[in-house]
Every structure is written in structure tokens, then in C-alpha cells.
């Protein structure tokens, strides 16, 4: 096992609080975990994103991400552009947008491309991660969606929102990597629950992960165990006070 890779796991993680039922108390816990482990980025749903930005304002090495068209991807392009600008105004550093899934499955490639491109342009240089939502796609649709995303200028092709039932697999990462080569990076999200799963995806070409609070705490405990480190971080100690 590469100890340097294990030491850098946290810098591949976007800790995510993007379920519909995430409370301000859980947001506090996400912030505490991000500060403790130094995760590279943190996400909340748009209504809480300004709070998250404020809570991490004094942590320059921890970015805040914003969601666009989340989770269905079926917003109009104009709505997505507005959402992008609103999230940027709140202070986010990166944007995770959901593609128009129905349009992709309908073969409306230019609509999908233009939708993604409009968000990339509105982001004004901030990295855009394009969510394919692979749970609803065939392998061929995954390839086509990834190709369109790269052509539109995204920084990352992302597998899912975490809302759909089908988890991301190593094979999905391989399909995307074989399709796009090094034209963009890959982010896995949805069903990543163990350190071994993460490491297998890294080996397949994934370099960023979106993982919820309790799953990533469990994974970081695995990391600490393999490195022989003692970690006293506890969600219980953080409490559930509102911001």
C-alpha cells in the first residue's frame, strides 16, 4: 500500500451535504470534519451554500462548491445559468452541474452540449464538474455524455449526484477514462463507501470523490488505521447545534 497515497486521500474528497434532509446541525458537522481532515472541498444544497462559505471563510485550503441543476438536471439552461451566477456570487470556488439526462437519452446531443457549455461560460473560469447521473444511462450513453462534456470544456466528468439508486463502480470509471483520456479529470459520487473502493477507482483513473459525512468519516478511520495513526475526531463531540 502506498502510504503517500493514503496520506493524500483527504485532498481528493469533496465532503457533501447534498441530501434533501441535511440540517444546519449536520452542516456544522461537515464543517468540523472538513477542518479536521482538510478535505479539499465541501458542498451543501444551494439554500445553505452562503452559510457554508461563511463557515469556511478562514480556511483557504478548503474550497466550497456549488450545485447547479441539482439533482434532476431538467432545469432550463437559463435556470442553470442563473443558478451558476447565484452560486458564484455566494463565493463558491467550483460548480457541479447535472446534465439534461432526458435530452441525452433522446439523442439531442447539441442541446446537451449547449446546456453544459452555457454553464461553463457562466462559470467564468471556475472549474465545472459535469454530472452524468450514470444510474440512468447505458454504457454508450455514458460515453456520449462524457464526450459532450469534454467538448463543452468541463474540468471534471462526474458520475452521479448520489440521489439515484445505482452506485458508481470501478468499471464506470474505466469507461469514462477510456472515453475521455486525459481531456478532463473524473469525480466519483454515489455509493463510494469504503477505502478499498476509493483506491480501486483511483487506480482506474479517478482523482476526486464526492462522499457524504458518515461514509467519509468511516473511510478516514480506515486510512488512519492503515497508517497507524490515532484519530480522536468524533461527530458526537461536534454536537448538533444550529449555526
C-alpha atoms as a PDB file:
ATOM      1  CA  UNK A   1       0.000   0.000   0.000  1.00  0.00           C
ATOM      2  CA  UNK A   2       1.361   3.424  -0.981  1.00  0.00           C
ATOM      3  CA  UNK A   3       1.472   5.411   2.264  1.00  0.00           C
ATOM      4  CA  UNK A   4       1.775   8.708   0.381  1.00  0.00           C
ATOM      5  CA  UNK A   5      -1.468   7.970  -1.444  1.00  0.00           C
ATOM      6  CA  UNK A   6      -3.187   7.214   1.856  1.00  0.00           C
ATOM      7  CA  UNK A   7      -1.869  10.448   3.359  1.00  0.00           C
ATOM      8  CA  UNK A   8      -3.371  12.375   0.439  1.00  0.00           C
ATOM      9  CA  UNK A   9      -6.821  10.746   0.432  1.00  0.00           C
ATOM     10  CA  UNK A  10      -8.463  13.739   2.143  1.00  0.00           C
ATOM     11  CA  UNK A  11      -7.258  16.049  -0.629  1.00  0.00           C
ATOM     12  CA  UNK A  12      -9.263  14.008  -3.127  1.00  0.00           C
ATOM     13  CA  UNK A  13     -12.540  14.378  -1.212  1.00  0.00           C
ATOM     14  CA  UNK A  14     -15.449  16.784  -1.620  1.00  0.00           C
ATOM     15  CA  UNK A  15     -17.383  16.244   1.602  1.00  0.00           C
ATOM     16  CA  UNK A  16     -21.014  16.502   0.578  1.00  0.00           C
ATOM     17  CA  UNK A  17     -24.155  17.532   2.398  1.00  0.00           C
ATOM     18  CA  UNK A  18     -26.491  17.458  -0.586  1.00  0.00           C
ATOM     19  CA  UNK A  19     -29.342  15.246   0.596  1.00  0.00           C
ATOM     20  CA  UNK A  20     -32.764  16.868   0.833  1.00  0.00           C
ATOM     21  CA  UNK A  21     -32.862  16.406   4.615  1.00  0.00           C
ATOM     22  CA  UNK A  22     -29.454  17.833   5.581  1.00  0.00           C
ATOM     23  CA  UNK A  23     -29.929  20.114   8.593  1.00  0.00           C
ATOM     24  CA  UNK A  24     -27.862  23.031   9.847  1.00  0.00           C
ATOM     25  CA  UNK A  25     -26.654  20.736  12.607  1.00  0.00           C
ATOM     26  CA  UNK A  26     -25.265  18.315  10.029  1.00  0.00           C
ATOM     27  CA  UNK A  27     -23.732  21.250   8.185  1.00  0.00           C
ATOM     28  CA  UNK A  28     -21.852  22.091  11.391  1.00  0.00           C
ATOM     29  CA  UNK A  29     -20.560  18.537  11.472  1.00  0.00           C
ATOM     30  CA  UNK A  30     -19.498  18.702   7.820  1.00  0.00           C
ATOM     31  CA  UNK A  31     -17.531  21.874   8.535  1.00  0.00           C
ATOM     32  CA  UNK A  32     -15.896  20.325  11.600  1.00  0.00           C
ATOM     33  CA  UNK A  33     -14.915  17.227   9.614  1.00  0.00           C
ATOM     34  CA  UNK A  34     -13.598  19.334   6.726  1.00  0.00           C
ATOM     35  CA  UNK A  35     -11.420  21.346   9.099  1.00  0.00           C
ATOM     36  CA  UNK A  36     -10.162  18.270  10.916  1.00  0.00           C
ATOM     37  CA  UNK A  37      -9.268  16.169   7.881  1.00  0.00           C
ATOM     38  CA  UNK A  38      -8.552  19.105   5.494  1.00  0.00           C
ATOM     39  CA  UNK A  39     -10.854  17.873   2.734  1.00  0.00           C
ATOM     40  CA  UNK A  40     -10.296  19.743  -0.498  1.00  0.00           C
ATOM     41  CA  UNK A  41     -13.887  20.961  -0.877  1.00  0.00           C
ATOM     42  CA  UNK A  42     -17.273  20.993   0.868  1.00  0.00           C
ATOM     43  CA  UNK A  43     -20.768  21.080  -0.614  1.00  0.00           C
ATOM     44  CA  UNK A  44     -24.224  21.972   0.672  1.00  0.00           C
ATOM     45  CA  UNK A  45     -27.542  22.452  -1.075  1.00  0.00           C
ATOM     46  CA  UNK A  46     -27.855  25.959  -2.575  1.00  0.00           C
ATOM     47  CA  UNK A  47     -30.002  27.366   0.227  1.00  0.00           C
ATOM     48  CA  UNK A  48     -27.205  26.635   2.726  1.00  0.00           C
ATOM     49  CA  UNK A  49     -24.220  27.374   0.485  1.00  0.00           C
ATOM     50  CA  UNK A  50     -23.770  31.013   1.639  1.00  0.00           C
ATOM     51  CA  UNK A  51     -23.627  29.752   5.237  1.00  0.00           C
ATOM     52  CA  UNK A  52     -21.053  27.140   4.268  1.00  0.00           C
ATOM     53  CA  UNK A  53     -18.923  29.783   2.557  1.00  0.00           C
ATOM     54  CA  UNK A  54     -19.032  31.917   5.693  1.00  0.00           C
ATOM     55  CA  UNK A  55     -18.200  28.976   7.964  1.00  0.00           C
ATOM     56  CA  UNK A  56     -15.113  28.105   5.912  1.00  0.00           C
ATOM     57  CA  UNK A  57     -14.048  31.645   5.076  1.00  0.00           C
ATOM     58  CA  UNK A  58     -10.896  31.401   7.210  1.00  0.00           C
ATOM     59  CA  UNK A  59      -9.842  28.040   5.713  1.00  0.00           C
ATOM     60  CA  UNK A  60      -8.173  28.958   2.395  1.00  0.00           C
ATOM     61  CA  UNK A  61      -7.181  25.378   1.605  1.00  0.00           C
ATOM     62  CA  UNK A  62     -10.797  24.147   1.833  1.00  0.00           C
ATOM     63  CA  UNK A  63     -12.924  25.180  -1.138  1.00  0.00           C
ATOM     64  CA  UNK A  64     -16.701  25.415  -1.226  1.00  0.00           C
ATOM     65  CA  UNK A  65     -18.597  24.010  -4.186  1.00  0.00           C
ATOM     66  CA  UNK A  66     -21.976  24.915  -5.603  1.00  0.00           C
ATOM     67  CA  UNK A  67     -24.604  22.700  -7.214  1.00  0.00           C
ATOM     68  CA  UNK A  68     -26.386  23.615 -10.453  1.00  0.00           C
ATOM     69  CA  UNK A  69     -29.496  21.916 -11.840  1.00  0.00           C
ATOM     70  CA  UNK A  70     -29.357  19.550  -8.895  1.00  0.00           C
ATOM     71  CA  UNK A  71     -30.429  16.783  -8.704  1.00  0.00           C
ATOM     72  CA  UNK A  72     -32.572  16.202 -11.813  1.00  0.00           C
ATOM     73  CA  UNK A  73     -30.675  18.161 -14.456  1.00  0.00           C
ATOM     74  CA  UNK A  74     -34.016  19.020 -16.049  1.00  0.00           C
ATOM     75  CA  UNK A  75     -33.922  22.763 -15.362  1.00  0.00           C
ATOM     76  CA  UNK A  76     -33.813  25.007 -18.392  1.00  0.00           C
ATOM     77  CA  UNK A  77     -30.422  26.248 -19.488  1.00  0.00           C
ATOM     78  CA  UNK A  78     -31.419  29.754 -18.404  1.00  0.00           C
ATOM     79  CA  UNK A  79     -32.202  28.479 -14.915  1.00  0.00           C
ATOM     80  CA  UNK A  80     -28.838  26.728 -14.763  1.00  0.00           C
ATOM     81  CA  UNK A  81     -27.010  29.859 -15.860  1.00  0.00           C
ATOM     82  CA  UNK A  82     -28.846  31.911 -13.231  1.00  0.00           C
ATOM     83  CA  UNK A  83     -28.026  29.270 -10.599  1.00  0.00           C
ATOM     84  CA  UNK A  84     -24.383  29.324 -11.629  1.00  0.00           C
ATOM     85  CA  UNK A  85     -24.155  33.088 -11.236  1.00  0.00           C
ATOM     86  CA  UNK A  86     -26.004  32.997  -7.939  1.00  0.00           C
ATOM     87  CA  UNK A  87     -23.626  30.360  -6.555  1.00  0.00           C
ATOM     88  CA  UNK A  88     -20.596  32.313  -7.759  1.00  0.00           C
ATOM     89  CA  UNK A  89     -21.941  35.441  -6.082  1.00  0.00           C
ATOM     90  CA  UNK A  90     -22.207  33.438  -2.860  1.00  0.00           C
ATOM     91  CA  UNK A  91     -18.475  32.753  -3.089  1.00  0.00           C
ATOM     92  CA  UNK A  92     -18.120  29.181  -4.383  1.00  0.00           C
ATOM     93  CA  UNK A  93     -14.877  28.007  -5.972  1.00  0.00           C
ATOM     94  CA  UNK A  94     -16.218  25.142  -8.116  1.00  0.00           C
ATOM     95  CA  UNK A  95     -19.546  24.129  -9.659  1.00  0.00           C
ATOM     96  CA  UNK A  96     -21.115  20.685 -10.011  1.00  0.00           C
ATOM     97  CA  UNK A  97     -23.852  20.721 -12.671  1.00  0.00           C
ATOM     98  CA  UNK A  98     -26.234  17.954 -13.717  1.00  0.00           C
ATOM     99  CA  UNK A  99     -26.647  17.400 -17.458  1.00  0.00           C
ATOM    100  CA  UNK A 100     -30.032  17.238 -19.139  1.00  0.00           C
ATOM    101  CA  UNK A 101     -30.378  13.477 -18.757  1.00  0.00           C
ATOM    102  CA  UNK A 102     -33.578  13.127 -20.759  1.00  0.00           C
ATOM    103  CA  UNK A 103     -32.080  15.079 -23.649  1.00  0.00           C
ATOM    104  CA  UNK A 104     -29.005  12.850 -23.692  1.00  0.00           C
ATOM    105  CA  UNK A 105     -31.151   9.717 -23.738  1.00  0.00           C
ATOM    106  CA  UNK A 106     -33.217  11.255 -26.543  1.00  0.00           C
ATOM    107  CA  UNK A 107     -30.143  11.755 -28.704  1.00  0.00           C
ATOM    108  CA  UNK A 108     -30.359  15.564 -28.505  1.00  0.00           C
ATOM    109  CA  UNK A 109     -26.600  15.960 -28.420  1.00  0.00           C
ATOM    110  CA  UNK A 110     -26.416  19.641 -29.326  1.00  0.00           C
ATOM    111  CA  UNK A 111     -28.975  20.533 -26.652  1.00  0.00           C
ATOM    112  CA  UNK A 112     -26.886  18.667 -24.076  1.00  0.00           C
ATOM    113  CA  UNK A 113     -23.675  20.296 -25.318  1.00  0.00           C
ATOM    114  CA  UNK A 114     -25.132  23.807 -25.353  1.00  0.00           C
ATOM    115  CA  UNK A 115     -26.587  23.333 -21.860  1.00  0.00           C
ATOM    116  CA  UNK A 116     -23.200  22.326 -20.457  1.00  0.00           C
ATOM    117  CA  UNK A 117     -21.338  24.988 -22.407  1.00  0.00           C
ATOM    118  CA  UNK A 118     -23.614  27.734 -21.115  1.00  0.00           C
ATOM    119  CA  UNK A 119     -22.762  26.801 -17.524  1.00  0.00           C
ATOM    120  CA  UNK A 120     -19.038  26.537 -18.302  1.00  0.00           C
ATOM    121  CA  UNK A 121     -19.161  30.013 -19.851  1.00  0.00           C
ATOM    122  CA  UNK A 122     -21.184  31.453 -16.952  1.00  0.00           C
ATOM    123  CA  UNK A 123     -18.647  29.991 -14.506  1.00  0.00           C
ATOM    124  CA  UNK A 124     -16.050  32.444 -15.844  1.00  0.00           C
ATOM    125  CA  UNK A 125     -13.089  30.153 -15.365  1.00  0.00           C
ATOM    126  CA  UNK A 126     -14.205  28.427 -12.176  1.00  0.00           C
ATOM    127  CA  UNK A 127     -13.920  24.633 -12.613  1.00  0.00           C
ATOM    128  CA  UNK A 128     -17.158  22.971 -13.705  1.00  0.00           C
ATOM    129  CA  UNK A 129     -17.836  19.334 -12.920  1.00  0.00           C
ATOM    130  CA  UNK A 130     -20.448  17.786 -15.222  1.00  0.00           C
ATOM    131  CA  UNK A 131     -22.671  15.138 -13.588  1.00  0.00           C
ATOM    132  CA  UNK A 132     -23.792  12.399 -15.983  1.00  0.00           C
ATOM    133  CA  UNK A 133     -26.000  10.534 -13.453  1.00  0.00           C
ATOM    134  CA  UNK A 134     -24.838   7.136 -14.712  1.00  0.00           C
ATOM    135  CA  UNK A 135     -27.642   5.275 -12.907  1.00  0.00           C
ATOM    136  CA  UNK A 136     -29.983   6.224 -15.756  1.00  0.00           C
ATOM    137  CA  UNK A 137     -27.561   5.696 -18.644  1.00  0.00           C
ATOM    138  CA  UNK A 138     -26.338   2.834 -20.779  1.00  0.00           C
ATOM    139  CA  UNK A 139     -22.599   2.440 -21.296  1.00  0.00           C
ATOM    140  CA  UNK A 140     -22.933   4.026 -24.734  1.00  0.00           C
ATOM    141  CA  UNK A 141     -24.836   6.973 -23.238  1.00  0.00           C
ATOM    142  CA  UNK A 142     -22.132   7.370 -20.595  1.00  0.00           C
ATOM    143  CA  UNK A 143     -19.522   7.556 -23.351  1.00  0.00           C
ATOM    144  CA  UNK A 144     -21.531  10.050 -25.372  1.00  0.00           C
ATOM    145  CA  UNK A 145     -22.272  12.217 -22.338  1.00  0.00           C
ATOM    146  CA  UNK A 146     -18.604  12.234 -21.347  1.00  0.00           C
ATOM    147  CA  UNK A 147     -17.556  13.209 -24.870  1.00  0.00           C
ATOM    148  CA  UNK A 148     -20.045  16.080 -24.964  1.00  0.00           C
ATOM    149  CA  UNK A 149     -18.947  17.290 -21.533  1.00  0.00           C
ATOM    150  CA  UNK A 150     -15.293  17.375 -22.528  1.00  0.00           C
ATOM    151  CA  UNK A 151     -16.131  19.145 -25.798  1.00  0.00           C
ATOM    152  CA  UNK A 152     -18.018  21.757 -23.754  1.00  0.00           C
ATOM    153  CA  UNK A 153     -14.937  22.466 -21.659  1.00  0.00           C
ATOM    154  CA  UNK A 154     -15.614  20.891 -18.262  1.00  0.00           C
ATOM    155  CA  UNK A 155     -12.818  20.321 -15.767  1.00  0.00           C
ATOM    156  CA  UNK A 156     -14.305  17.062 -14.464  1.00  0.00           C
ATOM    157  CA  UNK A 157     -16.724  14.411 -15.644  1.00  0.00           C
ATOM    158  CA  UNK A 158     -18.652  13.302 -12.564  1.00  0.00           C
ATOM    159  CA  UNK A 159     -20.558  10.040 -12.265  1.00  0.00           C
ATOM    160  CA  UNK A 160     -23.611  10.934 -10.186  1.00  0.00           C
ATOM    161  CA  UNK A 161     -25.439  13.096  -7.689  1.00  0.00           C
ATOM    162  CA  UNK A 162     -25.763  10.417  -5.020  1.00  0.00           C
ATOM    163  CA  UNK A 163     -29.564  10.625  -5.324  1.00  0.00           C
ATOM    164  CA  UNK A 164     -30.021   7.762  -7.784  1.00  0.00           C
ATOM    165  CA  UNK A 165     -30.099   4.140  -6.719  1.00  0.00           C
ATOM    166  CA  UNK A 166     -27.248   2.689  -8.762  1.00  0.00           C
ATOM    167  CA  UNK A 167     -23.772   3.171  -7.242  1.00  0.00           C
ATOM    168  CA  UNK A 168     -20.687   4.189  -9.142  1.00  0.00           C
ATOM    169  CA  UNK A 169     -18.402   1.256  -9.926  1.00  0.00           C
ATOM    170  CA  UNK A 170     -14.775   0.859 -10.955  1.00  0.00           C
ATOM    171  CA  UNK A 171     -15.983  -0.230 -14.377  1.00  0.00           C
ATOM    172  CA  UNK A 172     -17.824   3.084 -14.786  1.00  0.00           C
ATOM    173  CA  UNK A 173     -14.584   4.949 -14.067  1.00  0.00           C
ATOM    174  CA  UNK A 174     -12.775   2.819 -16.639  1.00  0.00           C
ATOM    175  CA  UNK A 175     -15.425   3.533 -19.282  1.00  0.00           C
ATOM    176  CA  UNK A 176     -15.153   7.280 -18.729  1.00  0.00           C
ATOM    177  CA  UNK A 177     -11.357   7.281 -18.648  1.00  0.00           C
ATOM    178  CA  UNK A 178     -11.144   5.220 -21.848  1.00  0.00           C
ATOM    179  CA  UNK A 179     -13.559   7.656 -23.480  1.00  0.00           C
ATOM    180  CA  UNK A 180     -12.002  10.980 -22.495  1.00  0.00           C
ATOM    181  CA  UNK A 181      -8.362  10.069 -21.950  1.00  0.00           C
ATOM    182  CA  UNK A 182      -6.699  12.959 -20.129  1.00  0.00           C
ATOM    183  CA  UNK A 183      -9.006  15.651 -21.522  1.00  0.00           C
ATOM    184  CA  UNK A 184     -10.660  16.069 -18.107  1.00  0.00           C
ATOM    185  CA  UNK A 185     -10.472  14.630 -14.627  1.00  0.00           C
ATOM    186  CA  UNK A 186     -13.048  12.223 -13.156  1.00  0.00           C
ATOM    187  CA  UNK A 187     -15.079  12.608  -9.979  1.00  0.00           C
ATOM    188  CA  UNK A 188     -16.942   9.639  -8.500  1.00  0.00           C
ATOM    189  CA  UNK A 189     -20.036  10.174  -6.372  1.00  0.00           C
ATOM    190  CA  UNK A 190     -22.785   7.836  -5.281  1.00  0.00           C
ATOM    191  CA  UNK A 191     -22.188   4.615  -3.381  1.00  0.00           C
ATOM    192  CA  UNK A 192     -18.500   5.095  -2.535  1.00  0.00           C
ATOM    193  CA  UNK A 193     -18.465   3.620   0.947  1.00  0.00           C
ATOM    194  CA  UNK A 194     -15.046   2.044   1.602  1.00  0.00           C
ATOM    195  CA  UNK A 195     -11.388   2.926   1.301  1.00  0.00           C
ATOM    196  CA  UNK A 196     -10.729  -0.075  -0.929  1.00  0.00           C
ATOM    197  CA  UNK A 197     -13.439   1.107  -3.340  1.00  0.00           C
ATOM    198  CA  UNK A 198     -11.844   4.544  -3.450  1.00  0.00           C
ATOM    199  CA  UNK A 199      -8.365   3.169  -4.071  1.00  0.00           C
ATOM    200  CA  UNK A 200      -9.608   0.893  -6.857  1.00  0.00           C
ATOM    201  CA  UNK A 201     -11.224   3.905  -8.531  1.00  0.00           C
ATOM    202  CA  UNK A 202      -8.035   5.935  -8.176  1.00  0.00           C
ATOM    203  CA  UNK A 203      -6.198   3.122  -9.909  1.00  0.00           C
ATOM    204  CA  UNK A 204      -8.796   3.239 -12.703  1.00  0.00           C
ATOM    205  CA  UNK A 205      -8.269   6.962 -13.239  1.00  0.00           C
ATOM    206  CA  UNK A 206     -10.478   8.811 -10.723  1.00  0.00           C
ATOM    207  CA  UNK A 207      -8.985  11.742  -8.823  1.00  0.00           C
ATOM    208  CA  UNK A 208     -11.892  13.315  -6.909  1.00  0.00           C
ATOM    209  CA  UNK A 209     -14.721  11.869  -4.824  1.00  0.00           C
ATOM    210  CA  UNK A 210     -17.993  13.264  -3.537  1.00  0.00           C
ATOM    211  CA  UNK A 211     -18.833  11.446  -0.308  1.00  0.00           C
ATOM    212  CA  UNK A 212     -21.341  12.115   2.454  1.00  0.00           C
ATOM    213  CA  UNK A 213     -20.448  12.850   6.050  1.00  0.00           C
ATOM    214  CA  UNK A 214     -20.720   9.494   7.758  1.00  0.00           C
ATOM    215  CA  UNK A 215     -19.273   7.473   4.889  1.00  0.00           C
ATOM    216  CA  UNK A 216     -16.186   9.664   4.628  1.00  0.00           C
ATOM    217  CA  UNK A 217     -15.629   9.606   8.392  1.00  0.00           C
ATOM    218  CA  UNK A 218     -15.699   5.804   8.226  1.00  0.00           C
ATOM    219  CA  UNK A 219     -13.249   5.837   5.311  1.00  0.00           C
ATOM    220  CA  UNK A 220     -10.893   8.217   7.103  1.00  0.00           C
ATOM    221  CA  UNK A 221     -10.914   5.905  10.114  1.00  0.00           C
ATOM    222  CA  UNK A 222      -9.748   3.168   7.716  1.00  0.00           C
ATOM    223  CA  UNK A 223      -6.998   5.467   6.461  1.00  0.00           C
ATOM    224  CA  UNK A 224      -5.845   6.229   9.986  1.00  0.00           C
ATOM    225  CA  UNK A 225      -5.862   2.536  10.881  1.00  0.00           C
ATOM    226  CA  UNK A 226      -3.691   1.586   7.904  1.00  0.00           C
ATOM    227  CA  UNK A 227      -1.265   4.410   8.620  1.00  0.00           C
ATOM    228  CA  UNK A 228      -1.134   3.563  12.308  1.00  0.00           C
ATOM    229  CA  UNK A 229      -2.468   6.968  13.292  1.00  0.00           C
ATOM    230  CA  UNK A 230      -4.679   7.675  16.280  1.00  0.00           C
ATOM    231  CA  UNK A 231      -7.621   9.916  15.465  1.00  0.00           C
ATOM    232  CA  UNK A 232      -9.912  11.313  18.128  1.00  0.00           C
ATOM    233  CA  UNK A 233     -12.381  13.068  15.818  1.00  0.00           C
ATOM    234  CA  UNK A 234     -15.946  12.385  16.865  1.00  0.00           C
ATOM    235  CA  UNK A 235     -19.209  13.568  15.346  1.00  0.00           C
ATOM    236  CA  UNK A 236     -20.803  13.258  18.774  1.00  0.00           C
ATOM    237  CA  UNK A 237     -18.324  15.755  20.165  1.00  0.00           C
ATOM    238  CA  UNK A 238     -19.254  18.254  17.462  1.00  0.00           C
ATOM    239  CA  UNK A 239     -22.862  18.184  18.523  1.00  0.00           C
ATOM    240  CA  UNK A 240     -25.899  19.263  16.537  1.00  0.00           C
ATOM    241  CA  UNK A 241     -26.218  22.950  17.340  1.00  0.00           C
ATOM    242  CA  UNK A 242     -27.525  25.157  14.574  1.00  0.00           C
ATOM    243  CA  UNK A 243     -25.424  27.902  13.047  1.00  0.00           C
END
